């Protein structure tokens, strides 16, 4: 069985160069990071709202139970791993700019997809 490394996947470059809309590279970086966070948050918020409403409607869980939940060690570790992957996606532009400095001829997305054998 194989899996794709989500942190490396977050840094995959498109086949063409990304468009820039601001004169300042720093403004572009901040805008890209902000929009990535906004996109992630919008998706999560919509799905979370749906799940919470379904759980409450079916009498499975109340809002109060959700607010008071404390994860066990395994859940906390999984949450930590997810957070690292999330930050990699959010800071994708910073990673790509650093790589562009190191590598003049950037490979395409197809050339960059790492596949790893599962342990």
Protein backbone atom coordinates (compact mmCIF):
# COMPACT_ATOMS: atom_id res chain seq x y z
CA UNK A 1 0.00 0.00 0.00
CA UNK A 2 1.24 3.51 -0.80
CA UNK A 3 0.29 6.93 0.47
CA UNK A 4 1.02 10.49 -0.57
CA UNK A 5 2.78 12.73 1.92
CA UNK A 6 0.28 15.58 2.55
CA UNK A 7 2.96 18.03 3.68
CA UNK A 8 4.93 17.55 0.46
CA UNK A 9 1.73 17.64 -1.59
CA UNK A 10 0.91 21.07 -0.14
CA UNK A 11 4.04 22.39 -1.84
CA UNK A 12 3.38 21.03 -5.32
CA UNK A 13 3.70 23.69 -7.98
CA UNK A 14 1.30 24.15 -10.87
CA UNK A 15 2.53 23.64 -14.43
CA UNK A 16 2.55 27.38 -15.06
CA UNK A 17 3.76 30.26 -12.93
CA UNK A 18 1.25 31.68 -10.45
CA UNK A 19 -0.24 35.08 -11.31
CA UNK A 20 0.72 38.09 -9.21
CA UNK A 21 -1.71 40.96 -8.59
CA UNK A 22 0.21 43.32 -6.30
CA UNK A 23 3.41 45.24 -6.91
CA UNK A 24 4.87 44.08 -3.62
CA UNK A 25 5.95 40.46 -3.29
CA UNK A 26 5.34 40.70 0.43
CA UNK A 27 1.74 41.81 -0.15
CA UNK A 28 1.26 38.85 -2.51
CA UNK A 29 2.61 36.48 0.13
CA UNK A 30 0.34 37.82 2.86
CA UNK A 31 -2.69 37.77 0.55
CA UNK A 32 -1.99 34.19 -0.57
CA UNK A 33 -1.63 33.01 3.02
CA UNK A 34 -4.74 34.90 4.12
CA UNK A 35 -6.84 33.52 1.26
CA UNK A 36 -5.61 29.98 1.92
CA UNK A 37 -6.67 30.33 5.56
CA UNK A 38 -10.01 31.84 4.56
CA UNK A 39 -10.68 28.99 2.12
CA UNK A 40 -9.79 26.33 4.67
CA UNK A 41 -11.88 27.99 7.37
CA UNK A 42 -14.95 28.42 5.16
CA UNK A 43 -14.98 24.73 4.23
CA UNK A 44 -14.47 23.57 7.80
CA UNK A 45 -17.09 25.95 9.19
CA UNK A 46 -19.74 24.80 6.70
CA UNK A 47 -19.07 21.12 7.35
CA UNK A 48 -18.88 21.54 11.11
CA UNK A 49 -22.18 23.39 11.17
CA UNK A 50 -23.80 20.58 9.18
CA UNK A 51 -22.43 17.85 11.45
CA UNK A 52 -23.42 19.65 14.65
CA UNK A 53 -26.96 20.24 13.40
CA UNK A 54 -27.36 16.59 12.35
CA UNK A 55 -26.02 15.31 15.68
CA UNK A 56 -28.33 17.54 17.66
CA UNK A 57 -31.35 16.83 15.44
CA UNK A 58 -30.87 13.07 15.87
CA UNK A 59 -30.44 13.46 19.62
CA UNK A 60 -26.91 12.05 19.50
CA UNK A 61 -25.06 15.00 21.00
CA UNK A 62 -25.82 18.49 22.27
CA UNK A 63 -23.90 21.70 21.71
CA UNK A 64 -22.93 21.64 25.39
CA UNK A 65 -21.35 18.17 25.04
CA UNK A 66 -19.35 19.38 22.04
CA UNK A 67 -18.08 22.41 23.96
CA UNK A 68 -16.97 20.29 26.94
CA UNK A 69 -15.22 17.53 24.94
CA UNK A 70 -11.56 16.81 25.81
CA UNK A 71 -9.55 14.57 23.43
CA UNK A 72 -7.56 11.55 24.65
CA UNK A 73 -3.83 11.22 23.91
CA UNK A 74 -4.33 9.50 20.54
CA UNK A 75 -6.82 12.11 19.37
CA UNK A 76 -4.52 14.90 20.56
CA UNK A 77 -1.59 13.38 18.60
CA UNK A 78 -3.72 13.04 15.48
CA UNK A 79 -4.82 16.65 15.91
CA UNK A 80 -1.20 17.74 16.17
CA UNK A 81 -0.31 15.94 12.92
CA UNK A 82 -3.29 17.52 11.19
CA UNK A 83 -2.19 20.96 12.41
CA UNK A 84 1.27 20.48 10.87
CA UNK A 85 -0.29 19.51 7.52
CA UNK A 86 -2.63 22.50 7.74
CA UNK A 87 0.20 24.94 8.40
CA UNK A 88 2.12 23.46 5.43
CA UNK A 89 -0.87 24.21 3.19
CA UNK A 90 -1.25 27.72 4.58
CA UNK A 91 2.44 28.55 4.19
CA UNK A 92 2.68 26.92 0.75
CA UNK A 93 3.76 30.15 -0.97
CA UNK A 94 6.64 30.68 1.46
CA UNK A 95 7.88 27.13 0.84
CA UNK A 96 7.63 27.54 -2.92
CA UNK A 97 9.48 30.85 -2.92
CA UNK A 98 12.30 29.33 -0.86
CA UNK A 99 12.52 26.41 -3.26
CA UNK A 100 12.54 28.74 -6.28
CA UNK A 101 15.64 30.43 -4.91
CA UNK A 102 17.36 27.05 -4.49
CA UNK A 103 16.26 25.53 -7.79
CA UNK A 104 16.31 27.61 -10.96
CA UNK A 105 14.47 25.12 -13.17
CA UNK A 106 11.36 24.19 -11.18
CA UNK A 107 9.90 20.76 -12.00
CA UNK A 108 6.22 20.43 -12.90
CA UNK A 109 3.56 19.10 -10.54
CA UNK A 110 3.77 15.64 -12.10
CA UNK A 111 7.49 15.50 -11.43
CA UNK A 112 7.04 16.52 -7.79
CA UNK A 113 4.35 14.14 -6.47
CA UNK A 114 6.16 11.94 -3.92
CA UNK A 115 4.78 8.44 -3.36
CA UNK A 116 5.89 6.53 -0.29
CA UNK A 117 5.52 2.89 0.65
CA UNK A 118 3.56 2.42 3.85
CA UNK A 119 5.39 0.88 6.78
